[in-house]
Each structure stands twice: as C-alpha cells, then as structure tokens.
C-alpha cells in the first residue's frame, strides 16, 4: 500500500494516513531502545478519540501491570504474547486480537519476538458509556 501522505507519513491529524507496518517494525528493531530494553514502541496516530501504537518486543520481555484510561484492542502482527489480567490469561498469536475495557490492570509478555498494534480509545468529555 502506498502512503497517501508521503511528505510526513506519521502526522496524526491528516484525514488519511496509511502505514507499512512490517517496514516500520523492521526500522524499530534498529533503534537503540530495542537493543537496550528489548522493546520499542511508536505512536502512529494520536487524536482526542484514539491512540494507535505499534509495539515490538523481544522474546522474554514484559510490559509490567498497568491500566489504560480507555478501552483497548491488541492485534498481534507477528509472534506470540501472553496477555494477563487479574482474572484471565490469554495467549495471542499472529493475526489474533483481543479487546479490553478501560481501567483493567493488565500485563503483556512476549513468548517470542513479537509486534502488535495497540489501539486505545479515548472517552471524550460529556460522553456516556
């Protein structure tokens, strides 16, 4: 897919932006943070309604328990992760995804080298559930 915004492909406030996710993950794995921590994350889009973050993790790395202020989705692009909440443990592989409601503590562990797309929905002021 050709990027429709060639001059600045990662500008979050453009009406249409396409992403070459495999190419981006390859670039992220060349970054210093990947070598030092075994993880790399890049925010692809951030608006008042949604944030889209591409994550890469080396096997054995973990994102410690935390919570998001909005509902999330996690879509595994390559590899395998274990996604844990206090009540459930889910193993996700390539092309699988999950959704999770806001304010639920969770952690992520990479079973093998993994990339996944995280979407965080933001509740707008005055919006009801």
N, C-alpha and C. Protein backbone atom coordinates (compact mmCIF):
# COMPACT_ATOMS: atom_id res chain seq x y z
N UNK A 1 0.84 -1.16 0.00
CA UNK A 1 0.00 0.00 0.00
C UNK A 1 0.89 1.23 0.00
N UNK A 2 0.63 2.12 -0.89
CA UNK A 2 1.41 3.35 -0.98
C UNK A 2 0.87 4.37 0.01
N UNK A 3 1.77 5.05 0.70
CA UNK A 3 1.34 6.03 1.68
C UNK A 3 0.78 7.25 0.97
N UNK A 4 -0.38 7.69 1.41
CA UNK A 4 -1.04 8.84 0.80
C UNK A 4 -0.48 10.17 1.27
N UNK A 5 0.35 10.16 2.28
CA UNK A 5 0.91 11.38 2.84
C UNK A 5 2.43 11.24 2.87
N UNK A 6 3.04 11.29 1.70
CA UNK A 6 4.48 10.99 1.57
C UNK A 6 5.38 12.00 2.26
N UNK A 7 4.97 13.27 2.34
CA UNK A 7 5.84 14.28 2.93
C UNK A 7 6.02 14.09 4.43
N UNK A 8 4.99 13.64 5.10
CA UNK A 8 5.05 13.43 6.54
C UNK A 8 4.12 12.28 6.89
N UNK A 9 4.55 11.03 6.67
CA UNK A 9 3.65 9.89 6.75
C UNK A 9 3.09 9.60 8.13
N UNK A 10 3.67 10.14 9.21
CA UNK A 10 3.19 9.80 10.54
C UNK A 10 2.46 10.95 11.22
N UNK A 11 2.04 11.95 10.45
CA UNK A 11 1.28 13.05 11.01
C UNK A 11 -0.09 12.56 11.44
N UNK A 12 -0.42 12.65 12.74
CA UNK A 12 -1.66 12.05 13.22
C UNK A 12 -2.93 12.81 12.85
N UNK A 13 -2.83 14.08 12.46
CA UNK A 13 -4.04 14.85 12.22
C UNK A 13 -4.39 14.97 10.74
N UNK A 14 -3.82 14.15 9.90
CA UNK A 14 -4.19 14.16 8.49
C UNK A 14 -5.45 13.33 8.29
N UNK A 15 -6.27 13.67 7.29
CA UNK A 15 -7.51 12.93 7.08
C UNK A 15 -7.30 11.46 6.74
N UNK A 16 -6.21 11.14 6.05
CA UNK A 16 -5.94 9.75 5.67
C UNK A 16 -4.44 9.50 5.74
N UNK A 17 -4.05 8.51 6.48
CA UNK A 17 -2.65 8.10 6.55
C UNK A 17 -2.60 6.59 6.50
N UNK A 18 -1.76 6.05 5.63
CA UNK A 18 -1.58 4.60 5.58
C UNK A 18 -0.21 4.26 6.16
N UNK A 19 -0.06 3.02 6.61
CA UNK A 19 1.16 2.61 7.30
C UNK A 19 1.66 1.29 6.74
N UNK A 20 2.95 1.18 6.56
CA UNK A 20 3.59 -0.08 6.18
C UNK A 20 4.14 -0.69 7.46
N UNK A 21 3.31 -1.48 8.13
CA UNK A 21 3.62 -1.94 9.48
C UNK A 21 4.86 -2.83 9.55
N UNK A 22 5.02 -3.71 8.57
CA UNK A 22 6.21 -4.58 8.58
C UNK A 22 7.48 -3.74 8.43
N UNK A 23 7.45 -2.78 7.52
CA UNK A 23 8.60 -1.90 7.32
C UNK A 23 8.89 -1.09 8.59
N UNK A 24 7.85 -0.60 9.24
CA UNK A 24 8.03 0.16 10.47
C UNK A 24 8.62 -0.71 11.58
N UNK A 25 8.14 -1.95 11.71
CA UNK A 25 8.70 -2.83 12.75
C UNK A 25 10.17 -3.13 12.49
N UNK A 26 10.53 -3.29 11.23
CA UNK A 26 11.94 -3.52 10.89
C UNK A 26 12.79 -2.32 11.30
N UNK A 27 12.29 -1.11 11.06
CA UNK A 27 13.01 0.10 11.45
C UNK A 27 13.11 0.21 12.97
N UNK A 28 12.04 -0.13 13.67
CA UNK A 28 12.03 -0.04 15.13
C UNK A 28 13.04 -0.99 15.75
N UNK A 29 13.27 -2.12 15.10
CA UNK A 29 14.21 -3.10 15.63
C UNK A 29 15.67 -2.68 15.40
N UNK A 30 15.87 -1.56 14.74
CA UNK A 30 17.21 -0.99 14.56
C UNK A 30 17.49 0.10 15.59
N UNK A 31 16.48 0.47 16.36
CA UNK A 31 16.62 1.58 17.31
C UNK A 31 17.36 1.15 18.57
N UNK A 32 17.94 2.13 19.24
CA UNK A 32 18.72 1.88 20.45
C UNK A 32 17.88 1.25 21.56
N UNK A 33 16.62 1.69 21.69
CA UNK A 33 15.77 1.15 22.75
C UNK A 33 15.54 -0.35 22.58
N UNK A 34 15.49 -0.80 21.33
CA UNK A 34 15.31 -2.24 21.06
C UNK A 34 16.49 -3.02 21.61
N UNK A 35 17.69 -2.52 21.37
CA UNK A 35 18.90 -3.21 21.84
C UNK A 35 19.03 -3.15 23.35
N UNK A 36 18.70 -1.99 23.95
CA UNK A 36 18.88 -1.81 25.39
C UNK A 36 17.81 -2.51 26.23
N UNK A 37 16.55 -2.40 25.81
CA UNK A 37 15.45 -2.87 26.66
C UNK A 37 14.71 -4.07 26.08
N UNK A 38 14.93 -4.36 24.80
CA UNK A 38 14.19 -5.45 24.17
C UNK A 38 12.80 -5.05 23.75
N UNK A 39 12.52 -3.74 23.81
CA UNK A 39 11.20 -3.23 23.44
C UNK A 39 11.35 -1.94 22.65
N UNK A 40 10.36 -1.69 21.81
CA UNK A 40 10.29 -0.43 21.09
C UNK A 40 8.82 -0.15 20.80
N UNK A 41 8.43 1.11 20.92
CA UNK A 41 7.04 1.49 20.64
C UNK A 41 7.03 2.80 19.86
N UNK A 42 6.10 2.90 18.94
CA UNK A 42 5.97 4.11 18.12
C UNK A 42 4.50 4.48 18.02
N UNK A 43 4.17 5.71 18.44
CA UNK A 43 2.80 6.20 18.29
C UNK A 43 2.59 6.58 16.83
N UNK A 44 1.65 5.91 16.18
CA UNK A 44 1.36 6.17 14.78
C UNK A 44 0.34 7.28 14.62
N UNK A 45 -0.61 7.34 15.53
CA UNK A 45 -1.67 8.34 15.45
C UNK A 45 -2.15 8.64 16.86
N UNK A 46 -2.41 9.92 17.12
CA UNK A 46 -2.95 10.32 18.41
C UNK A 46 -3.93 11.45 18.19
N UNK A 47 -5.18 11.18 18.51
CA UNK A 47 -6.24 12.18 18.41
C UNK A 47 -6.98 12.22 19.74
N UNK A 48 -7.97 13.09 19.84
CA UNK A 48 -8.78 13.13 21.06
C UNK A 48 -9.59 11.86 21.25
N UNK A 49 -9.85 11.13 20.17
CA UNK A 49 -10.69 9.94 20.24
C UNK A 49 -9.90 8.63 20.33
N UNK A 50 -8.67 8.61 19.82
CA UNK A 50 -7.97 7.34 19.68
C UNK A 50 -6.46 7.53 19.62
N UNK A 51 -5.76 6.53 20.16
CA UNK A 51 -4.31 6.49 20.00
C UNK A 51 -3.95 5.13 19.43
N UNK A 52 -3.06 5.11 18.45
CA UNK A 52 -2.63 3.89 17.77
C UNK A 52 -1.12 3.76 17.96
N UNK A 53 -0.69 2.65 18.61
CA UNK A 53 0.72 2.47 18.95
C UNK A 53 1.21 1.13 18.44
N UNK A 54 2.29 1.15 17.67
CA UNK A 54 2.94 -0.06 17.20
C UNK A 54 4.00 -0.45 18.22
N UNK A 55 3.95 -1.69 18.69
CA UNK A 55 4.87 -2.20 19.72
C UNK A 55 5.67 -3.38 19.20
N UNK A 56 6.94 -3.43 19.55
CA UNK A 56 7.80 -4.58 19.24
C UNK A 56 8.44 -5.03 20.55
N UNK A 57 8.49 -6.35 20.76
CA UNK A 57 9.07 -6.90 21.98
C UNK A 57 9.92 -8.11 21.64
N UNK A 58 11.10 -8.20 22.26
CA UNK A 58 11.91 -9.41 22.14
C UNK A 58 11.32 -10.50 23.02
N UNK A 59 11.60 -11.75 22.67
CA UNK A 59 11.15 -12.88 23.47
C UNK A 59 11.60 -12.71 24.92
N UNK A 60 10.69 -12.97 25.85
CA UNK A 60 11.01 -12.89 27.27
C UNK A 60 10.84 -11.53 27.90
N UNK A 61 10.59 -10.49 27.11
CA UNK A 61 10.38 -9.17 27.69
C UNK A 61 8.93 -9.03 28.14
N UNK A 62 8.71 -8.07 29.04
CA UNK A 62 7.38 -7.91 29.62
C UNK A 62 7.03 -6.43 29.77
N UNK A 63 5.78 -6.13 29.58
CA UNK A 63 5.23 -4.83 29.94
C UNK A 63 4.53 -5.06 31.28
N UNK A 64 5.03 -4.42 32.31
CA UNK A 64 4.54 -4.63 33.68
C UNK A 64 3.07 -4.23 33.81
N UNK A 65 2.39 -4.73 34.85
CA UNK A 65 0.97 -4.41 35.03
C UNK A 65 0.71 -2.90 35.04
N UNK A 66 -0.31 -2.52 34.32
CA UNK A 66 -0.73 -1.13 34.18
C UNK A 66 -2.19 -1.13 33.74
N UNK A 67 -2.77 0.04 33.56
CA UNK A 67 -4.13 0.13 33.05
C UNK A 67 -4.24 1.30 32.10
N UNK A 68 -5.21 1.21 31.20
CA UNK A 68 -5.46 2.28 30.23
C UNK A 68 -6.72 3.04 30.64
N UNK A 69 -6.76 4.31 30.30
CA UNK A 69 -7.90 5.15 30.64
C UNK A 69 -9.07 5.00 29.68
N UNK A 70 -8.89 4.18 28.65
CA UNK A 70 -9.97 3.91 27.70
C UNK A 70 -9.93 2.46 27.29
N UNK A 71 -10.97 1.98 26.61
CA UNK A 71 -10.94 0.61 26.10
C UNK A 71 -9.80 0.44 25.11
N UNK A 72 -9.25 -0.77 25.04
CA UNK A 72 -8.13 -1.03 24.13
C UNK A 72 -8.41 -2.24 23.26
N UNK A 73 -7.66 -2.31 22.16
CA UNK A 73 -7.57 -3.55 21.39
C UNK A 73 -6.09 -3.83 21.18
N UNK A 74 -5.75 -5.11 21.14
CA UNK A 74 -4.38 -5.57 20.89
C UNK A 74 -4.46 -6.56 19.74
N UNK A 75 -3.77 -6.25 18.63
CA UNK A 75 -3.78 -7.09 17.43
C UNK A 75 -2.34 -7.54 17.17
N UNK A 76 -2.08 -8.83 17.32
CA UNK A 76 -0.73 -9.36 17.12
C UNK A 76 -0.44 -9.48 15.62
N UNK A 77 0.64 -8.85 15.19
CA UNK A 77 1.04 -8.87 13.78
C UNK A 77 2.02 -10.00 13.49
N UNK A 78 2.91 -10.27 14.45
CA UNK A 78 3.85 -11.38 14.34
C UNK A 78 4.23 -11.83 15.74
N UNK A 79 4.55 -13.10 15.88
CA UNK A 79 4.98 -13.63 17.17
C UNK A 79 3.83 -14.08 18.04
N UNK A 80 4.11 -14.13 19.36
CA UNK A 80 3.13 -14.59 20.35
C UNK A 80 3.30 -13.81 21.64
N UNK A 81 2.18 -13.48 22.26
CA UNK A 81 2.21 -12.83 23.57
C UNK A 81 1.29 -13.56 24.54
N UNK A 82 1.56 -13.35 25.81
CA UNK A 82 0.61 -13.73 26.85
C UNK A 82 0.11 -12.43 27.46
N UNK A 83 -1.20 -12.26 27.44
CA UNK A 83 -1.87 -11.06 27.95
C UNK A 83 -2.57 -11.47 29.24
N UNK A 84 -2.23 -10.79 30.34
CA UNK A 84 -2.77 -11.18 31.64
C UNK A 84 -3.56 -10.03 32.27
N UNK A 85 -4.71 -10.39 32.83
CA UNK A 85 -5.44 -9.52 33.74
C UNK A 85 -5.47 -10.25 35.08
N UNK A 86 -6.08 -9.64 36.09
CA UNK A 86 -6.18 -10.32 37.39
C UNK A 86 -7.01 -11.59 37.28
N UNK A 87 -7.95 -11.63 36.33
CA UNK A 87 -8.89 -12.75 36.22
C UNK A 87 -8.64 -13.70 35.06
N UNK A 88 -7.88 -13.26 34.05
CA UNK A 88 -7.74 -14.08 32.85
C UNK A 88 -6.31 -14.04 32.32
N UNK A 89 -5.97 -15.12 31.60
CA UNK A 89 -4.71 -15.20 30.87
C UNK A 89 -5.06 -15.65 29.46
N UNK A 90 -4.61 -14.87 28.46
CA UNK A 90 -4.91 -15.17 27.06
C UNK A 90 -3.60 -15.21 26.29
N UNK A 91 -3.41 -16.26 25.50
CA UNK A 91 -2.26 -16.35 24.60
C UNK A 91 -2.74 -15.92 23.21
N UNK A 92 -2.05 -14.94 22.64
CA UNK A 92 -2.39 -14.46 21.31
C UNK A 92 -1.25 -14.72 20.36
N UNK A 93 -1.57 -15.18 19.16
CA UNK A 93 -0.60 -15.43 18.10
C UNK A 93 -0.87 -14.50 16.93
N UNK A 94 -0.01 -14.59 15.93
CA UNK A 94 -0.12 -13.78 14.72
C UNK A 94 -1.56 -13.80 14.21
N UNK A 95 -2.07 -12.63 13.90
CA UNK A 95 -3.40 -12.35 13.33
C UNK A 95 -4.53 -12.49 14.33
N UNK A 96 -4.23 -12.71 15.61
CA UNK A 96 -5.27 -12.75 16.64
C UNK A 96 -5.30 -11.43 17.39
N UNK A 97 -6.47 -11.12 17.95
CA UNK A 97 -6.59 -9.87 18.70
C UNK A 97 -7.55 -10.03 19.86
N UNK A 98 -7.50 -9.06 20.77
CA UNK A 98 -8.43 -9.02 21.89
C UNK A 98 -8.84 -7.58 22.13
N UNK A 99 -9.91 -7.43 22.90
CA UNK A 99 -10.33 -6.12 23.37
C UNK A 99 -10.43 -6.18 24.89
N UNK A 100 -10.25 -5.04 25.52
CA UNK A 100 -10.29 -4.95 26.98
C UNK A 100 -10.91 -3.62 27.37
N UNK A 101 -11.81 -3.64 28.32
CA UNK A 101 -12.44 -2.40 28.80
C UNK A 101 -11.43 -1.55 29.57
N UNK A 102 -11.77 -0.28 29.75
CA UNK A 102 -10.87 0.66 30.42
C UNK A 102 -10.70 0.32 31.89
N UNK A 103 -9.60 0.80 32.45
CA UNK A 103 -9.28 0.71 33.88
C UNK A 103 -9.12 -0.72 34.41
N UNK A 104 -8.73 -1.65 33.54
CA UNK A 104 -8.46 -3.01 33.99
C UNK A 104 -6.95 -3.24 33.93
N UNK A 105 -6.35 -3.56 35.07
CA UNK A 105 -4.90 -3.80 35.11
C UNK A 105 -4.56 -5.02 34.28
N UNK A 106 -3.47 -4.89 33.51
CA UNK A 106 -3.05 -5.98 32.64
C UNK A 106 -1.55 -5.88 32.40
N UNK A 107 -0.98 -7.00 31.96
CA UNK A 107 0.44 -7.05 31.58
C UNK A 107 0.56 -7.84 30.29
N UNK A 108 1.70 -7.67 29.63
CA UNK A 108 1.96 -8.35 28.36
C UNK A 108 3.35 -8.97 28.43
N UNK A 109 3.45 -10.24 28.04
CA UNK A 109 4.74 -10.93 27.99
C UNK A 109 4.93 -11.49 26.58
N UNK A 110 6.09 -11.25 25.99
CA UNK A 110 6.40 -11.79 24.66
C UNK A 110 6.97 -13.19 24.81
N UNK A 111 6.32 -14.16 24.18
CA UNK A 111 6.79 -15.55 24.18
C UNK A 111 7.90 -15.71 23.15
N UNK A 112 7.78 -15.00 22.06
CA UNK A 112 8.80 -14.96 21.02
C UNK A 112 8.85 -13.53 20.51
N UNK A 113 9.78 -13.22 19.63
CA UNK A 113 9.85 -11.87 19.09
C UNK A 113 8.50 -11.52 18.49
N UNK A 114 7.95 -10.39 18.92
CA UNK A 114 6.56 -10.07 18.63
C UNK A 114 6.39 -8.61 18.24
N UNK A 115 5.44 -8.36 17.36
CA UNK A 115 4.97 -7.00 17.13
C UNK A 115 3.45 -7.02 17.22
N UNK A 116 2.90 -5.95 17.80
CA UNK A 116 1.45 -5.85 17.90
C UNK A 116 1.02 -4.40 17.82
N UNK A 117 -0.21 -4.23 17.38
CA UNK A 117 -0.80 -2.91 17.23
C UNK A 117 -1.77 -2.69 18.38
N UNK A 118 -1.53 -1.66 19.15
CA UNK A 118 -2.37 -1.30 20.29
C UNK A 118 -3.23 -0.11 19.91
N UNK A 119 -4.53 -0.22 20.11
CA UNK A 119 -5.45 0.89 19.91
C UNK A 119 -6.06 1.23 21.26
N UNK A 120 -6.00 2.50 21.63
CA UNK A 120 -6.60 2.97 22.87
C UNK A 120 -7.66 4.00 22.50
N UNK A 121 -8.91 3.70 22.84
CA UNK A 121 -10.00 4.65 22.60
C UNK A 121 -10.04 5.63 23.76
N UNK A 122 -10.28 6.88 23.45
CA UNK A 122 -10.36 7.92 24.47
C UNK A 122 -11.80 8.36 24.63
N UNK A 123 -12.28 8.45 25.85
CA UNK A 123 -13.62 8.94 26.09
C UNK A 123 -13.58 10.46 26.01
N UNK A 124 -14.45 11.03 25.20
CA UNK A 124 -14.48 12.48 25.06
C UNK A 124 -15.33 13.08 26.18
N UNK A 125 -15.02 14.31 26.61
CA UNK A 125 -15.77 14.93 27.71
C UNK A 125 -17.27 14.95 27.39
N UNK A 126 -18.06 14.60 28.39
CA UNK A 126 -19.51 14.59 28.21
C UNK A 126 -20.06 13.30 27.63
N UNK A 127 -19.17 12.42 27.16
CA UNK A 127 -19.61 11.15 26.58
C UNK A 127 -20.01 10.19 27.69
N UNK A 128 -21.08 9.47 27.47
CA UNK A 128 -21.51 8.47 28.44
C UNK A 128 -21.21 7.09 27.92
N UNK A 129 -21.04 6.15 28.84
CA UNK A 129 -20.72 4.78 28.45
C UNK A 129 -21.94 4.06 27.94
